[in-house]
Amino acid sequence: MKLRKLFLVIGLASAAITMSAQSSFDVKLYNGRPPYNNGDESDTAKVRVFLPMEKQATGRAVVICPGGAYETLSMEKEGYDWGEFFQNQGIAAIVLKYRMPHGQPEVPVSDAEQAMKLVRLNATSWKINRNDVGIMGFSAGGHLAATIATRSQGEAKPNFLILFYPVISMMEGYGHDRSRLNFLGKNPSKRDEKKYSADMNVSRVTPRTFIALSDDDDTVPPANGVNFYTELYRNDVRGSLHVYPGGGHGWGSKIGFRYHEEMMMDLKAWLKSF
């Protein structure tokens, strides 16, 4: 009995050491006023950083953009719940709480760019390789991530891209009406529609991309993700497209998603491929 108790204590101590070695903490995105104002002073931007154990750290990092049609954020199942998954892969996860656009697309775009810059600014102290920082997004957050991947430059440009059931197009009738309205406002110009339709901005310097979606998604048309993959292929960019037979929209980290295990294995395999 005493021996069993000793093993139990040792096991609990080991678990505590492991948990303490995998740290998470919040960081304000801006020290001063952000570059764009959405009119809501209570809507602030920040990141929660999940760092892996130092001995397991690969140097890779990913900024995560939760979805929510640009009117709310699914911070748990499309954000914080992914922190431990990436930590266990030796990857730092930086979950972004970006501000809502209210018809001003520069607001969330500037927040996502700042998050990318923040990761590279802290690369040394967070044990991150500045040349291995990606961005990941879900639904409308996928649109934000794809926008950064296709339009941003310099320190804000990601090295890889992960998209889950993404909104891609801002053209009327092709993407997601509510996301389009919240992002661009009621009467967007044709120029802005094209500017923020990520499939129209893919080029040979767009980073390699993993795309996952469900065939029966009746919220965001699956053609969004498929069209983005097609443009990657046309531009000789490495892409990995996974269309699951069911599951609808918004499954995030949910174990109840019927293809959860396959999806996780597909993502792990892709992350190990480069």
C-alpha atoms as a PDB file:
ATOM      1  CA  MET A   1       0.000   0.000   0.000  1.00  0.00           C
ATOM      2  CA  LYS A   2       2.817   2.419   0.924  1.00  0.00           C
ATOM      3  CA  LEU A   3       4.562   1.629  -2.366  1.00  0.00           C
ATOM      4  CA  ARG A   4       1.385   2.348  -4.314  1.00  0.00           C
ATOM      5  CA  LYS A   5       1.008   5.698  -2.552  1.00  0.00           C
ATOM      6  CA  LEU A   6       4.635   6.509  -3.339  1.00  0.00           C
ATOM      7  CA  PHE A   7       4.077   5.858  -7.061  1.00  0.00           C
ATOM      8  CA  LEU A   8       0.910   7.989  -6.955  1.00  0.00           C
ATOM      9  CA  VAL A   9       2.778  10.908  -5.373  1.00  0.00           C
ATOM     10  CA  ILE A  10       5.604  10.596  -7.917  1.00  0.00           C
ATOM     11  CA  GLY A  11       3.067  10.496 -10.760  1.00  0.00           C
ATOM     12  CA  LEU A  12       1.249  13.593  -9.520  1.00  0.00           C
ATOM     13  CA  ALA A  13       4.550  15.414  -9.062  1.00  0.00           C
ATOM     14  CA  SER A  14       5.615  14.554 -12.615  1.00  0.00           C
ATOM     15  CA  ALA A  15       2.290  15.802 -13.981  1.00  0.00           C
ATOM     16  CA  ALA A  16       2.649  19.040 -12.016  1.00  0.00           C
ATOM     17  CA  ILE A  17       6.166  19.582 -13.385  1.00  0.00           C
ATOM     18  CA  THR A  18       4.921  18.983 -16.945  1.00  0.00           C
ATOM     19  CA  MET A  19       1.999  21.373 -16.508  1.00  0.00           C
ATOM     20  CA  SER A  20       4.196  24.085 -15.014  1.00  0.00           C
ATOM     21  CA  ALA A  21       6.678  23.749 -17.860  1.00  0.00           C
ATOM     22  CA  GLN A  22       3.927  24.411 -20.401  1.00  0.00           C
ATOM     23  CA  SER A  23       3.080  28.022 -19.684  1.00  0.00           C
ATOM     24  CA  SER A  24       0.313  30.347 -20.843  1.00  0.00           C
ATOM     25  CA  PHE A  25      -0.085  34.079 -20.266  1.00  0.00           C
ATOM     26  CA  ASP A  26      -1.912  37.093 -21.690  1.00  0.00           C
ATOM     27  CA  VAL A  27      -0.225  40.001 -23.478  1.00  0.00           C
ATOM     28  CA  LYS A  28      -1.744  43.306 -24.617  1.00  0.00           C
ATOM     29  CA  LEU A  29      -1.462  43.682 -28.365  1.00  0.00           C
ATOM     30  CA  TYR A  30      -0.676  47.407 -28.226  1.00  0.00           C
ATOM     31  CA  ASN A  31       1.194  49.457 -25.656  1.00  0.00           C
ATOM     32  CA  GLY A  32      -0.546  52.661 -26.757  1.00  0.00           C
ATOM     33  CA  ARG A  33      -3.537  53.414 -28.940  1.00  0.00           C
ATOM     34  CA  PRO A  34      -4.104  51.039 -31.868  1.00  0.00           C
ATOM     35  CA  PRO A  35      -3.682  52.467 -35.393  1.00  0.00           C
ATOM     36  CA  TYR A  36      -7.391  52.183 -36.271  1.00  0.00           C
ATOM     37  CA  ASN A  37     -10.503  52.849 -34.186  1.00  0.00           C
ATOM     38  CA  ASN A  38     -13.747  50.865 -34.497  1.00  0.00           C
ATOM     39  CA  GLY A  39     -15.670  53.258 -32.253  1.00  0.00           C
ATOM     40  CA  ASP A  40     -15.922  50.811 -29.339  1.00  0.00           C
ATOM     41  CA  GLU A  41     -13.465  51.740 -26.595  1.00  0.00           C
ATOM     42  CA  SER A  42     -14.341  48.602 -24.613  1.00  0.00           C
ATOM     43  CA  ASP A  43     -13.305  46.340 -27.497  1.00  0.00           C
ATOM     44  CA  THR A  44      -9.600  45.740 -26.891  1.00  0.00           C
ATOM     45  CA  ALA A  45      -7.135  43.431 -28.602  1.00  0.00           C
ATOM     46  CA  LYS A  46      -4.854  40.965 -26.826  1.00  0.00           C
ATOM     47  CA  VAL A  47      -3.193  37.594 -27.250  1.00  0.00           C
ATOM     48  CA  ARG A  48      -2.918  34.559 -24.993  1.00  0.00           C
ATOM     49  CA  VAL A  49       0.410  32.825 -25.465  1.00  0.00           C
ATOM     50  CA  PHE A  50       0.788  29.064 -24.981  1.00  0.00           C
ATOM     51  CA  LEU A  51       4.452  27.991 -24.886  1.00  0.00           C
ATOM     52  CA  PRO A  52       5.533  24.317 -25.037  1.00  0.00           C
ATOM     53  CA  MET A  53       8.088  22.756 -22.727  1.00  0.00           C
ATOM     54  CA  GLU A  54      11.507  24.066 -23.706  1.00  0.00           C
ATOM     55  CA  LYS A  55      12.967  20.614 -24.326  1.00  0.00           C
ATOM     56  CA  GLN A  56      10.098  19.803 -26.729  1.00  0.00           C
ATOM     57  CA  ALA A  57       9.958  23.186 -28.462  1.00  0.00           C
ATOM     58  CA  THR A  58      10.441  22.963 -32.227  1.00  0.00           C
ATOM     59  CA  GLY A  59      10.762  26.731 -32.656  1.00  0.00           C
ATOM     60  CA  ARG A  60       7.516  26.816 -34.634  1.00  0.00           C
ATOM     61  CA  ALA A  61       4.638  29.131 -33.679  1.00  0.00           C
ATOM     62  CA  VAL A  62       1.127  29.780 -34.932  1.00  0.00           C
ATOM     63  CA  VAL A  63      -1.177  32.768 -34.426  1.00  0.00           C
ATOM     64  CA  ILE A  64      -4.795  31.581 -34.074  1.00  0.00           C
ATOM     65  CA  CYS A  65      -7.775  33.680 -35.227  1.00  0.00           C
ATOM     66  CA  PRO A  66     -11.127  32.411 -33.881  1.00  0.00           C
ATOM     67  CA  GLY A  67     -14.281  32.872 -35.954  1.00  0.00           C
ATOM     68  CA  GLY A  68     -17.637  34.474 -35.252  1.00  0.00           C
ATOM     69  CA  ALA A  69     -18.825  36.279 -38.417  1.00  0.00           C
ATOM     70  CA  TYR A  70     -16.856  39.416 -37.435  1.00  0.00           C
ATOM     71  CA  GLU A  71     -19.446  40.175 -34.736  1.00  0.00           C
ATOM     72  CA  THR A  72     -18.295  37.878 -31.916  1.00  0.00           C
ATOM     73  CA  LEU A  73     -15.439  35.450 -31.226  1.00  0.00           C
ATOM     74  CA  SER A  74     -15.522  31.726 -30.458  1.00  0.00           C
ATOM     75  CA  MET A  75     -12.539  32.062 -28.130  1.00  0.00           C
ATOM     76  CA  GLU A  76     -12.731  28.606 -26.526  1.00  0.00           C
ATOM     77  CA  LYS A  77     -13.294  25.899 -29.164  1.00  0.00           C
ATOM     78  CA  GLU A  78     -11.651  27.910 -31.959  1.00  0.00           C
ATOM     79  CA  GLY A  79      -8.955  29.450 -29.792  1.00  0.00           C
ATOM     80  CA  TYR A  80      -7.864  28.553 -26.283  1.00  0.00           C
ATOM     81  CA  ASP A  81      -8.780  24.858 -26.617  1.00  0.00           C
ATOM     82  CA  TRP A  82      -6.084  24.556 -29.291  1.00  0.00           C
ATOM     83  CA  GLY A  83      -3.322  25.836 -27.017  1.00  0.00           C
ATOM     84  CA  GLU A  84      -2.587  22.471 -25.400  1.00  0.00           C
ATOM     85  CA  PHE A  85      -2.750  20.637 -28.753  1.00  0.00           C
ATOM     86  CA  PHE A  86       0.000  22.793 -30.217  1.00  0.00           C
ATOM     87  CA  GLN A  87       2.031  22.743 -27.001  1.00  0.00           C
ATOM     88  CA  ASN A  88       2.052  18.942 -27.223  1.00  0.00           C
ATOM     89  CA  GLN A  89       3.399  19.215 -30.774  1.00  0.00           C
ATOM     90  CA  GLY A  90       6.216  21.452 -29.516  1.00  0.00           C
ATOM     91  CA  ILE A  91       4.584  24.460 -31.200  1.00  0.00           C
ATOM     92  CA  ALA A  92       3.860  27.799 -29.545  1.00  0.00           C
ATOM     93  CA  ALA A  93       0.223  28.905 -29.956  1.00  0.00           C
ATOM     94  CA  ILE A  94      -0.716  32.579 -29.814  1.00  0.00           C
ATOM     95  CA  VAL A  95      -4.510  32.993 -29.643  1.00  0.00           C
ATOM     96  CA  LEU A  96      -5.625  36.397 -30.905  1.00  0.00           C
ATOM     97  CA  LYS A  97      -8.604  38.296 -29.544  1.00  0.00           C
ATOM     98  CA  TYR A  98      -8.977  40.783 -32.365  1.00  0.00           C
ATOM     99  CA  ARG A  99     -11.343  43.756 -32.450  1.00  0.00           C
ATOM    100  CA  MET A 100     -14.571  43.736 -34.458  1.00  0.00           C
ATOM    101  CA  PRO A 101     -14.490  45.779 -37.684  1.00  0.00           C
ATOM    102  CA  HIS A 102     -17.951  47.392 -37.693  1.00  0.00           C
ATOM    103  CA  GLY A 103     -17.458  47.984 -41.406  1.00  0.00           C
ATOM    104  CA  GLN A 104     -13.799  49.021 -41.061  1.00  0.00           C
ATOM    105  CA  PRO A 105     -11.687  46.094 -42.323  1.00  0.00           C
ATOM    106  CA  GLU A 106      -8.417  47.761 -41.298  1.00  0.00           C
ATOM    107  CA  VAL A 107      -9.269  47.167 -37.618  1.00  0.00           C
ATOM    108  CA  PRO A 108      -9.025  43.340 -37.422  1.00  0.00           C
ATOM    109  CA  VAL A 109      -6.408  43.243 -40.201  1.00  0.00           C
ATOM    110  CA  SER A 110      -4.105  45.579 -38.247  1.00  0.00           C
ATOM    111  CA  ASP A 111      -4.647  43.475 -35.095  1.00  0.00           C
ATOM    112  CA  ALA A 112      -3.668  40.256 -36.895  1.00  0.00           C
ATOM    113  CA  GLU A 113      -0.613  41.913 -38.433  1.00  0.00           C
ATOM    114  CA  GLN A 114       0.419  43.250 -35.026  1.00  0.00           C
ATOM    115  CA  ALA A 115       0.062  39.746 -33.533  1.00  0.00           C
ATOM    116  CA  MET A 116       2.422  38.358 -36.183  1.00  0.00           C
ATOM    117  CA  LYS A 117       4.924  41.147 -35.486  1.00  0.00           C
ATOM    118  CA  LEU A 118       4.616  40.625 -31.719  1.00  0.00           C
ATOM    119  CA  VAL A 119       5.544  36.949 -32.040  1.00  0.00           C
ATOM    120  CA  ARG A 120       8.654  37.754 -34.061  1.00  0.00           C
ATOM    121  CA  LEU A 121       9.573  40.607 -31.695  1.00  0.00           C
ATOM    122  CA  ASN A 122       9.550  38.119 -28.799  1.00  0.00           C
ATOM    123  CA  ALA A 123      11.076  35.259 -30.782  1.00  0.00           C
ATOM    124  CA  THR A 124      14.224  35.013 -28.659  1.00  0.00           C
ATOM    125  CA  SER A 125      12.539  35.019 -25.235  1.00  0.00           C
ATOM    126  CA  TRP A 126       9.740  32.698 -26.409  1.00  0.00           C
ATOM    127  CA  LYS A 127      12.213  30.315 -28.130  1.00  0.00           C
ATOM    128  CA  ILE A 128      10.597  30.804 -31.539  1.00  0.00           C
ATOM    129  CA  ASN A 129      12.145  30.659 -35.009  1.00  0.00           C
ATOM    130  CA  ARG A 130      11.243  33.954 -36.704  1.00  0.00           C
ATOM    131  CA  ASN A 131      11.080  32.132 -40.053  1.00  0.00           C
ATOM    132  CA  ASP A 132       8.587  29.500 -38.882  1.00  0.00           C
ATOM    133  CA  VAL A 133       5.581  31.527 -37.742  1.00  0.00           C
ATOM    134  CA  GLY A 134       2.205  30.647 -39.235  1.00  0.00           C
ATOM    135  CA  ILE A 135      -1.369  31.831 -38.931  1.00  0.00           C
ATOM    136  CA  MET A 136      -4.527  29.781 -38.445  1.00  0.00           C
ATOM    137  CA  GLY A 137      -8.186  30.773 -38.703  1.00  0.00           C
ATOM    138  CA  PHE A 138     -11.717  29.432 -38.411  1.00  0.00           C
ATOM    139  CA  SER A 139     -14.663  30.650 -40.500  1.00  0.00           C
ATOM    140  CA  ALA A 140     -14.450  34.489 -40.478  1.00  0.00           C
ATOM    141  CA  GLY A 141     -11.161  34.090 -38.615  1.00  0.00           C
ATOM    142  CA  GLY A 142     -10.097  31.993 -41.591  1.00  0.00           C
ATOM    143  CA  HIS A 143     -10.855  34.950 -43.815  1.00  0.00           C
ATOM    144  CA  LEU A 144      -8.693  37.157 -41.600  1.00  0.00           C
ATOM    145  CA  ALA A 145      -5.856  34.604 -41.641  1.00  0.00           C
ATOM    146  CA  ALA A 146      -6.082  34.168 -45.431  1.00  0.00           C
ATOM    147  CA  THR A 147      -6.090  37.953 -45.875  1.00  0.00           C
ATOM    148  CA  ILE A 148      -2.873  38.246 -43.862  1.00  0.00           C
ATOM    149  CA  ALA A 149      -1.315  35.368 -45.803  1.00  0.00           C
ATOM    150  CA  THR A 150      -2.136  36.873 -49.207  1.00  0.00           C
ATOM    151  CA  ARG A 151      -1.750  40.621 -48.581  1.00  0.00           C
ATOM    152  CA  SER A 152       0.586  41.333 -45.657  1.00  0.00           C
ATOM    153  CA  GLN A 153       4.293  41.950 -46.065  1.00  0.00           C
ATOM    154  CA  GLY A 154       7.497  41.884 -44.039  1.00  0.00           C
ATOM    155  CA  GLU A 155       7.284  40.933 -40.368  1.00  0.00           C
ATOM    156  CA  ALA A 156       3.505  40.455 -40.653  1.00  0.00           C
ATOM    157  CA  LYS A 157       3.663  37.822 -43.406  1.00  0.00           C
ATOM    158  CA  PRO A 158       3.226  34.217 -42.193  1.00  0.00           C
ATOM    159  CA  ASN A 159       5.351  31.247 -43.228  1.00  0.00           C
ATOM    160  CA  PHE A 160       2.391  28.862 -43.362  1.00  0.00           C
ATOM    161  CA  LEU A 161      -1.401  28.988 -43.222  1.00  0.00           C
ATOM    162  CA  ILE A 162      -4.064  26.741 -41.629  1.00  0.00           C
ATOM    163  CA  LEU A 163      -7.735  27.244 -42.533  1.00  0.00           C
ATOM    164  CA  PHE A 164     -10.812  25.580 -41.044  1.00  0.00           C
ATOM    165  CA  TYR A 165     -14.122  25.978 -42.945  1.00  0.00           C
ATOM    166  CA  PRO A 166     -12.952  29.453 -44.009  1.00  0.00           C
ATOM    167  CA  VAL A 167     -14.808  32.437 -45.383  1.00  0.00           C
ATOM    168  CA  ILE A 168     -12.622  33.372 -48.349  1.00  0.00           C
ATOM    169  CA  SER A 169     -14.626  35.566 -50.715  1.00  0.00           C
ATOM    170  CA  MET A 170     -16.063  39.020 -50.025  1.00  0.00           C
ATOM    171  CA  MET A 171     -17.925  39.018 -53.340  1.00  0.00           C
ATOM    172  CA  GLU A 172     -21.685  39.204 -52.867  1.00  0.00           C
ATOM    173  CA  GLY A 173     -23.323  35.778 -52.912  1.00  0.00           C
ATOM    174  CA  TYR A 174     -20.073  33.775 -52.730  1.00  0.00           C
ATOM    175  CA  GLY A 175     -18.837  33.950 -49.148  1.00  0.00           C
ATOM    176  CA  HIS A 176     -20.867  34.548 -45.973  1.00  0.00           C
ATOM    177  CA  ASP A 177     -23.302  37.449 -46.040  1.00  0.00           C
ATOM    178  CA  ARG A 178     -23.109  38.338 -42.329  1.00  0.00           C
ATOM    179  CA  SER A 179     -19.301  38.281 -42.283  1.00  0.00           C
ATOM    180  CA  ARG A 180     -19.224  40.410 -45.421  1.00  0.00           C
ATOM    181  CA  LEU A 181     -21.623  42.983 -43.954  1.00  0.00           C
ATOM    182  CA  ASN A 182     -19.747  43.236 -40.650  1.00  0.00           C
ATOM    183  CA  PHE A 183     -16.351  43.400 -42.328  1.00  0.00           C
ATOM    184  CA  LEU A 184     -16.997  45.763 -45.257  1.00  0.00           C
ATOM    185  CA  GLY A 185     -20.195  47.574 -44.231  1.00  0.00           C
ATOM    186  CA  LYS A 186     -23.445  47.999 -46.153  1.00  0.00           C
ATOM    187  CA  ASN A 187     -22.187  49.420 -49.436  1.00  0.00           C
ATOM    188  CA  PRO A 188     -18.650  48.193 -50.117  1.00  0.00           C
ATOM    189  CA  SER A 189     -16.847  49.197 -53.269  1.00  0.00           C
ATOM    190  CA  LYS A 190     -15.973  46.612 -55.905  1.00  0.00           C
ATOM    191  CA  ARG A 191     -12.348  47.447 -55.207  1.00  0.00           C
ATOM    192  CA  ASP A 192     -12.673  46.463 -51.532  1.00  0.00           C
ATOM    193  CA  GLU A 193     -14.628  43.321 -52.401  1.00  0.00           C
ATOM    194  CA  LYS A 194     -11.736  42.156 -54.580  1.00  0.00           C
ATOM    195  CA  LYS A 195      -9.066  43.456 -52.204  1.00  0.00           C
ATOM    196  CA  TYR A 196     -10.403  41.305 -49.385  1.00  0.00           C
ATOM    197  CA  SER A 197     -11.342  38.210 -51.408  1.00  0.00           C
ATOM    198  CA  ALA A 198      -8.340  36.057 -50.545  1.00  0.00           C
ATOM    199  CA  ASP A 199      -8.730  33.709 -53.519  1.00  0.00           C
ATOM    200  CA  MET A 200      -8.213  36.692 -55.827  1.00  0.00           C
ATOM    201  CA  ASN A 201      -4.938  37.587 -54.135  1.00  0.00           C
ATOM    202  CA  VAL A 202      -3.111  34.245 -54.149  1.00  0.00           C
ATOM    203  CA  SER A 203       0.336  34.469 -55.726  1.00  0.00           C
ATOM    204  CA  ARG A 204       3.507  32.414 -55.924  1.00  0.00           C
ATOM    205  CA  VAL A 205       4.641  33.873 -52.584  1.00  0.00           C
ATOM    206  CA  THR A 206       1.490  32.810 -50.706  1.00  0.00           C
ATOM    207  CA  PRO A 207       2.594  30.392 -47.947  1.00  0.00           C
ATOM    208  CA  ARG A 208       1.842  26.663 -47.970  1.00  0.00           C
ATOM    209  CA  THR A 209      -1.666  25.973 -46.713  1.00  0.00           C
ATOM    210  CA  PHE A 210      -3.721  23.304 -44.911  1.00  0.00           C
ATOM    211  CA  ILE A 211      -7.495  23.543 -45.508  1.00  0.00           C
ATOM    212  CA  ALA A 212     -10.179  21.512 -43.693  1.00  0.00           C
ATOM    213  CA  LEU A 213     -13.939  21.746 -44.210  1.00  0.00           C
ATOM    214  CA  SER A 214     -17.136  19.713 -44.373  1.00  0.00           C
ATOM    215  CA  ASP A 215     -18.963  18.833 -47.565  1.00  0.00           C
ATOM    216  CA  ASP A 216     -22.329  19.563 -45.914  1.00  0.00           C
ATOM    217  CA  ASP A 217     -21.424  23.032 -44.575  1.00  0.00           C
ATOM    218  CA  ASP A 218     -24.576  25.082 -45.159  1.00  0.00           C
ATOM    219  CA  THR A 219     -23.256  28.198 -43.380  1.00  0.00           C
ATOM    220  CA  VAL A 220     -20.135  29.007 -45.409  1.00  0.00           C
ATOM    221  CA  PRO A 221     -20.177  27.417 -48.883  1.00  0.00           C
ATOM    222  CA  PRO A 222     -17.382  24.787 -49.148  1.00  0.00           C
ATOM    223  CA  ALA A 223     -16.484  26.376 -52.499  1.00  0.00           C
ATOM    224  CA  ASN A 224     -14.700  29.106 -50.509  1.00  0.00           C
ATOM    225  CA  GLY A 225     -11.988  26.741 -49.294  1.00  0.00           C
ATOM    226  CA  VAL A 226     -11.946  24.726 -52.524  1.00  0.00           C
ATOM    227  CA  ASN A 227     -11.508  27.842 -54.676  1.00  0.00           C
ATOM    228  CA  PHE A 228      -8.643  28.982 -52.465  1.00  0.00           C
ATOM    229  CA  TYR A 229      -6.955  25.594 -52.922  1.00  0.00           C
ATOM    230  CA  THR A 230      -7.480  25.817 -56.700  1.00  0.00           C
ATOM    231  CA  GLU A 231      -5.694  29.174 -56.774  1.00  0.00           C
ATOM    232  CA  LEU A 232      -2.849  27.744 -54.691  1.00  0.00           C
ATOM    233  CA  TYR A 233      -2.500  24.931 -57.243  1.00  0.00           C
ATOM    234  CA  ARG A 234      -2.547  27.387 -60.164  1.00  0.00           C
ATOM    235  CA  ASN A 235       0.265  29.362 -58.538  1.00  0.00           C
ATOM    236  CA  ASP A 236       2.430  26.333 -57.652  1.00  0.00           C
ATOM    237  CA  VAL A 237       1.923  26.813 -53.913  1.00  0.00           C
ATOM    238  CA  ARG A 238       1.863  23.665 -51.791  1.00  0.00           C
ATOM    239  CA  GLY A 239      -1.668  23.044 -50.530  1.00  0.00           C
ATOM    240  CA  SER A 240      -3.406  20.253 -48.608  1.00  0.00           C
ATOM    241  CA  LEU A 241      -7.206  20.132 -48.918  1.00  0.00           C
ATOM    242  CA  HIS A 242      -9.349  17.905 -46.664  1.00  0.00           C
ATOM    243  CA  VAL A 243     -13.090  17.724 -47.301  1.00  0.00           C
ATOM    244  CA  TYR A 244     -14.915  15.583 -44.726  1.00  0.00           C
ATOM    245  CA  PRO A 245     -18.257  13.952 -45.675  1.00  0.00           C
ATOM    246  CA  GLY A 246     -20.185  15.585 -42.817  1.00  0.00           C
ATOM    247  CA  GLY A 247     -19.981  17.759 -39.746  1.00  0.00           C
ATOM    248  CA  GLY A 248     -21.473  21.034 -40.926  1.00  0.00           C
ATOM    249  CA  HIS A 249     -19.868  24.260 -39.755  1.00  0.00           C
ATOM    250  CA  GLY A 250     -18.097  25.462 -36.642  1.00  0.00           C
ATOM    251  CA  TRP A 251     -16.765  22.226 -35.145  1.00  0.00           C
ATOM    252  CA  GLY A 252     -13.468  23.724 -33.996  1.00  0.00           C
ATOM    253  CA  SER A 253     -11.836  21.540 -31.351  1.00  0.00           C
ATOM    254  CA  LYS A 254     -15.083  19.672 -30.600  1.00  0.00           C
ATOM    255  CA  ILE A 255     -14.481  15.956 -30.027  1.00  0.00           C
ATOM    256  CA  GLY A 256     -18.125  15.405 -31.007  1.00  0.00           C
ATOM    257  CA  PHE A 257     -17.235  16.252 -34.602  1.00  0.00           C
ATOM    258  CA  ARG A 258     -17.563  12.829 -36.240  1.00  0.00           C
ATOM    259  CA  TYR A 259     -14.279  13.145 -38.136  1.00  0.00           C
ATOM    260  CA  HIS A 260     -12.353  14.667 -35.237  1.00  0.00           C
ATOM    261  CA  GLU A 261      -9.706  11.923 -35.055  1.00  0.00           C
ATOM    262  CA  GLU A 262      -9.090  11.929 -38.809  1.00  0.00           C
ATOM    263  CA  MET A 263      -8.862  15.714 -38.819  1.00  0.00           C
ATOM    264  CA  MET A 264      -6.324  15.739 -35.990  1.00  0.00           C
ATOM    265  CA  MET A 265      -4.219  13.063 -37.697  1.00  0.00           C
ATOM    266  CA  ASP A 266      -4.348  14.958 -40.991  1.00  0.00           C
ATOM    267  CA  LEU A 267      -3.220  18.176 -39.295  1.00  0.00           C
ATOM    268  CA  LYS A 268      -0.426  16.459 -37.335  1.00  0.00           C
ATOM    269  CA  ALA A 269       0.849  14.762 -40.506  1.00  0.00           C
ATOM    270  CA  TRP A 270       0.838  18.048 -42.408  1.00  0.00           C
ATOM    271  CA  LEU A 271       2.684  19.880 -39.619  1.00  0.00           C
ATOM    272  CA  LYS A 272       5.389  17.183 -39.676  1.00  0.00           C
ATOM    273  CA  SER A 273       5.747  17.396 -43.468  1.00  0.00           C
ATOM    274  CA  PHE A 274       7.901  20.545 -43.443  1.00  0.00           C
END
